């Protein structure tokens, strides 16, 4: 069974340097875990949109949400942290 994990990288538009770093980290980890049968969908979300504020409340960017739950906020997570976020959802 293939598990699909949805990761949202939340930050301003246009993305700041830290938000771009988060997206690159998430993409790198997504590629790595895809070899282990985990399908990761990545979406950039504008932190200033009313929908984002309504869904998640007050946020600090960059932020990372996995399957609709904020997992990291206000900093760039390491590859190991992102991998743990993904595998916590798989189990």
N, C-alpha and C. Protein backbone atom coordinates (compact mmCIF):
# COMPACT_ATOMS: atom_id res chain seq x y z
N UNK A 1 0.85 -1.19 0.00
CA UNK A 1 0.00 0.00 0.00
C UNK A 1 0.89 1.25 0.00
N UNK A 2 0.59 2.14 -0.89
CA UNK A 2 1.36 3.38 -0.97
C UNK A 2 0.67 4.44 -0.12
N UNK A 3 1.41 5.05 0.76
CA UNK A 3 0.90 6.11 1.62
C UNK A 3 1.25 7.45 0.99
N UNK A 4 0.26 8.35 0.93
CA UNK A 4 0.52 9.68 0.39
C UNK A 4 0.55 10.68 1.54
N UNK A 5 1.63 11.42 1.63
CA UNK A 5 1.82 12.42 2.67
C UNK A 5 1.78 13.78 1.99
N UNK A 6 0.95 14.68 2.53
CA UNK A 6 0.86 16.04 1.97
C UNK A 6 1.65 16.99 2.86
N UNK A 7 2.64 17.65 2.26
CA UNK A 7 3.44 18.63 2.99
C UNK A 7 3.18 20.00 2.41
N UNK A 8 2.86 20.94 3.30
CA UNK A 8 2.66 22.33 2.89
C UNK A 8 3.82 23.15 3.44
N UNK A 9 4.50 23.86 2.55
CA UNK A 9 5.56 24.79 2.94
C UNK A 9 4.89 26.17 2.96
N UNK A 10 4.82 26.75 4.15
CA UNK A 10 4.04 27.97 4.34
C UNK A 10 4.97 29.17 4.53
N UNK A 11 4.76 30.19 3.70
CA UNK A 11 5.57 31.39 3.79
C UNK A 11 5.01 32.47 2.89
N UNK A 12 5.67 33.61 2.83
CA UNK A 12 5.17 34.72 2.02
C UNK A 12 5.39 34.49 0.53
N UNK A 13 4.65 35.23 -0.27
CA UNK A 13 4.86 35.26 -1.72
C UNK A 13 5.36 36.65 -2.08
N UNK A 14 6.46 36.82 -2.78
CA UNK A 14 7.37 35.74 -3.20
C UNK A 14 8.10 35.16 -1.99
N UNK A 15 8.56 33.91 -2.10
CA UNK A 15 9.18 33.25 -0.94
C UNK A 15 10.50 33.90 -0.54
N UNK A 16 10.73 33.97 0.76
CA UNK A 16 12.00 34.47 1.28
C UNK A 16 13.06 33.38 1.17
N UNK A 17 14.30 33.72 1.47
CA UNK A 17 15.40 32.76 1.35
C UNK A 17 15.19 31.55 2.27
N UNK A 18 14.71 31.79 3.48
CA UNK A 18 14.50 30.66 4.41
C UNK A 18 13.38 29.76 3.90
N UNK A 19 12.33 30.35 3.34
CA UNK A 19 11.21 29.54 2.81
C UNK A 19 11.68 28.70 1.62
N UNK A 20 12.54 29.29 0.79
CA UNK A 20 13.09 28.54 -0.34
C UNK A 20 13.97 27.39 0.17
N UNK A 21 14.71 27.63 1.24
CA UNK A 21 15.56 26.59 1.83
C UNK A 21 14.71 25.45 2.37
N UNK A 22 13.59 25.78 3.00
CA UNK A 22 12.68 24.74 3.52
C UNK A 22 12.15 23.90 2.36
N UNK A 23 11.72 24.56 1.29
CA UNK A 23 11.17 23.82 0.15
C UNK A 23 12.23 22.89 -0.45
N UNK A 24 13.45 23.37 -0.58
CA UNK A 24 14.53 22.51 -1.11
C UNK A 24 14.77 21.31 -0.20
N UNK A 25 14.77 21.54 1.11
CA UNK A 25 14.98 20.45 2.07
C UNK A 25 13.86 19.43 1.96
N UNK A 26 12.62 19.91 1.91
CA UNK A 26 11.47 19.01 1.82
C UNK A 26 11.52 18.21 0.51
N UNK A 27 11.87 18.88 -0.59
CA UNK A 27 11.95 18.18 -1.89
C UNK A 27 13.03 17.09 -1.86
N UNK A 28 14.16 17.40 -1.25
CA UNK A 28 15.26 16.43 -1.16
C UNK A 28 14.83 15.19 -0.35
N UNK A 29 14.17 15.43 0.78
CA UNK A 29 13.72 14.32 1.63
C UNK A 29 12.60 13.54 0.92
N UNK A 30 11.71 14.23 0.23
CA UNK A 30 10.62 13.57 -0.49
C UNK A 30 11.17 12.61 -1.53
N UNK A 31 12.22 13.04 -2.22
CA UNK A 31 12.84 12.18 -3.23
C UNK A 31 13.45 10.94 -2.56
N UNK A 32 14.08 11.15 -1.41
CA UNK A 32 14.71 10.04 -0.67
C UNK A 32 13.67 9.02 -0.19
N UNK A 33 12.58 9.50 0.42
CA UNK A 33 11.59 8.57 0.97
C UNK A 33 10.73 7.92 -0.11
N UNK A 34 10.69 8.53 -1.30
CA UNK A 34 9.91 7.92 -2.39
C UNK A 34 10.51 6.56 -2.76
N UNK A 35 11.81 6.42 -2.55
CA UNK A 35 12.49 5.14 -2.82
C UNK A 35 12.09 4.08 -1.79
N UNK A 36 11.48 4.54 -0.69
CA UNK A 36 11.02 3.62 0.36
C UNK A 36 9.50 3.42 0.30
N UNK A 37 8.90 3.86 -0.81
CA UNK A 37 7.47 3.63 -1.03
C UNK A 37 6.55 4.68 -0.42
N UNK A 38 7.10 5.83 -0.04
CA UNK A 38 6.27 6.89 0.53
C UNK A 38 6.14 8.00 -0.51
N UNK A 39 4.91 8.30 -0.90
CA UNK A 39 4.65 9.33 -1.90
C UNK A 39 4.36 10.65 -1.18
N UNK A 40 5.17 11.67 -1.46
CA UNK A 40 5.02 12.97 -0.80
C UNK A 40 4.57 14.00 -1.81
N UNK A 41 3.46 14.68 -1.50
CA UNK A 41 3.02 15.80 -2.34
C UNK A 41 3.39 17.08 -1.61
N UNK A 42 4.02 18.01 -2.34
CA UNK A 42 4.51 19.25 -1.74
C UNK A 42 3.77 20.43 -2.35
N UNK A 43 3.30 21.30 -1.48
CA UNK A 43 2.57 22.48 -1.95
C UNK A 43 3.09 23.71 -1.22
N UNK A 44 3.27 24.81 -1.96
CA UNK A 44 3.63 26.09 -1.33
C UNK A 44 2.33 26.80 -0.99
N UNK A 45 2.26 27.31 0.22
CA UNK A 45 1.07 28.02 0.69
C UNK A 45 1.48 29.43 1.11
N UNK A 46 0.69 30.41 0.70
CA UNK A 46 0.97 31.81 1.06
C UNK A 46 0.50 32.06 2.49
N UNK A 47 1.42 32.45 3.36
CA UNK A 47 1.11 32.69 4.77
C UNK A 47 0.15 33.87 4.95
N UNK A 48 0.10 34.76 3.95
CA UNK A 48 -0.74 35.95 4.06
C UNK A 48 -2.17 35.74 3.56
N UNK A 49 -2.47 34.55 3.02
CA UNK A 49 -3.83 34.34 2.51
C UNK A 49 -4.81 34.13 3.66
N UNK A 50 -6.02 34.61 3.47
CA UNK A 50 -7.05 34.45 4.51
C UNK A 50 -7.33 32.98 4.79
N UNK A 51 -7.29 32.14 3.76
CA UNK A 51 -7.53 30.70 3.94
C UNK A 51 -6.48 30.07 4.84
N UNK A 52 -5.23 30.45 4.65
CA UNK A 52 -4.14 29.90 5.47
C UNK A 52 -4.29 30.34 6.91
N UNK A 53 -4.58 31.62 7.11
CA UNK A 53 -4.77 32.14 8.47
C UNK A 53 -5.96 31.45 9.14
N UNK A 54 -7.04 31.27 8.39
CA UNK A 54 -8.23 30.61 8.95
C UNK A 54 -7.93 29.16 9.31
N UNK A 55 -7.16 28.48 8.48
CA UNK A 55 -6.87 27.06 8.71
C UNK A 55 -5.89 26.84 9.85
N UNK A 56 -4.81 27.66 9.90
CA UNK A 56 -3.73 27.41 10.85
C UNK A 56 -3.59 28.45 11.95
N UNK A 57 -4.29 29.58 11.85
CA UNK A 57 -4.13 30.62 12.87
C UNK A 57 -2.85 31.40 12.63
N UNK A 58 -2.35 32.04 13.67
CA UNK A 58 -1.16 32.85 13.56
C UNK A 58 0.06 31.97 13.31
N UNK A 59 0.83 32.31 12.29
CA UNK A 59 2.01 31.53 11.94
C UNK A 59 3.24 32.42 11.86
N UNK A 60 4.38 31.81 12.09
CA UNK A 60 5.67 32.44 11.81
C UNK A 60 6.25 31.68 10.63
N UNK A 61 6.85 32.41 9.70
CA UNK A 61 7.39 31.71 8.54
C UNK A 61 8.89 31.52 8.69
N UNK A 62 9.43 30.51 8.07
CA UNK A 62 8.69 29.51 7.33
C UNK A 62 8.02 28.52 8.27
N UNK A 63 6.99 27.87 7.78
CA UNK A 63 6.32 26.82 8.56
C UNK A 63 6.13 25.61 7.66
N UNK A 64 6.06 24.45 8.29
CA UNK A 64 5.84 23.20 7.57
C UNK A 64 4.65 22.50 8.21
N UNK A 65 3.66 22.15 7.37
CA UNK A 65 2.52 21.36 7.84
C UNK A 65 2.56 20.02 7.13
N UNK A 66 2.31 18.96 7.88
CA UNK A 66 2.26 17.61 7.32
C UNK A 66 0.85 17.08 7.57
N UNK A 67 0.17 16.74 6.47
CA UNK A 67 -1.21 16.24 6.54
C UNK A 67 -2.09 17.17 7.40
N UNK A 68 -1.91 18.49 7.21
CA UNK A 68 -2.77 19.46 7.86
C UNK A 68 -2.40 19.83 9.28
N UNK A 69 -1.24 19.34 9.77
CA UNK A 69 -0.81 19.67 11.14
C UNK A 69 0.54 20.38 11.07
N UNK A 70 0.64 21.53 11.73
CA UNK A 70 1.90 22.27 11.77
C UNK A 70 2.93 21.44 12.55
N UNK A 71 4.08 21.23 11.91
CA UNK A 71 5.14 20.42 12.54
C UNK A 71 6.37 21.24 12.87
N UNK A 72 6.54 22.39 12.20
CA UNK A 72 7.72 23.21 12.41
C UNK A 72 7.36 24.63 12.03
N UNK A 73 7.83 25.61 12.81
CA UNK A 73 7.47 27.00 12.53
C UNK A 73 8.61 27.92 12.93
N UNK A 74 8.89 28.91 12.06
CA UNK A 74 9.85 29.95 12.39
C UNK A 74 11.31 29.60 12.16
N UNK A 75 11.57 28.43 11.55
CA UNK A 75 12.95 28.03 11.30
C UNK A 75 12.99 27.02 10.15
N UNK A 76 14.18 26.75 9.67
CA UNK A 76 14.38 25.77 8.61
C UNK A 76 14.69 24.43 9.28
N UNK A 77 13.83 23.41 9.10
CA UNK A 77 14.11 22.11 9.71
C UNK A 77 15.25 21.39 8.98
N UNK A 78 15.90 20.48 9.69
CA UNK A 78 16.95 19.67 9.06
C UNK A 78 16.28 18.58 8.23
N UNK A 79 17.08 17.94 7.36
CA UNK A 79 16.56 16.83 6.57
C UNK A 79 16.06 15.71 7.50
N UNK A 80 16.79 15.46 8.58
CA UNK A 80 16.40 14.41 9.52
C UNK A 80 15.04 14.73 10.16
N UNK A 81 14.83 16.00 10.50
CA UNK A 81 13.55 16.39 11.10
C UNK A 81 12.40 16.19 10.11
N UNK A 82 12.63 16.58 8.85
CA UNK A 82 11.58 16.43 7.84
C UNK A 82 11.27 14.95 7.63
N UNK A 83 12.31 14.13 7.58
CA UNK A 83 12.11 12.69 7.41
C UNK A 83 11.29 12.12 8.57
N UNK A 84 11.60 12.55 9.79
CA UNK A 84 10.84 12.08 10.96
C UNK A 84 9.38 12.52 10.87
N UNK A 85 9.15 13.78 10.43
CA UNK A 85 7.77 14.28 10.27
C UNK A 85 7.00 13.36 9.33
N UNK A 86 7.64 12.98 8.23
CA UNK A 86 6.98 12.13 7.23
C UNK A 86 6.69 10.76 7.80
N UNK A 87 7.71 10.13 8.40
CA UNK A 87 7.53 8.76 8.88
C UNK A 87 6.61 8.70 10.11
N UNK A 88 6.49 9.78 10.87
CA UNK A 88 5.51 9.82 11.97
C UNK A 88 4.09 9.69 11.41
N UNK A 89 3.87 10.20 10.21
CA UNK A 89 2.54 10.13 9.57
C UNK A 89 2.28 8.79 8.91
N UNK A 90 3.33 8.10 8.51
CA UNK A 90 3.19 6.82 7.81
C UNK A 90 2.69 5.74 8.78
N UNK A 91 3.16 5.83 10.01
CA UNK A 91 2.85 4.78 11.00
C UNK A 91 1.41 4.87 11.48
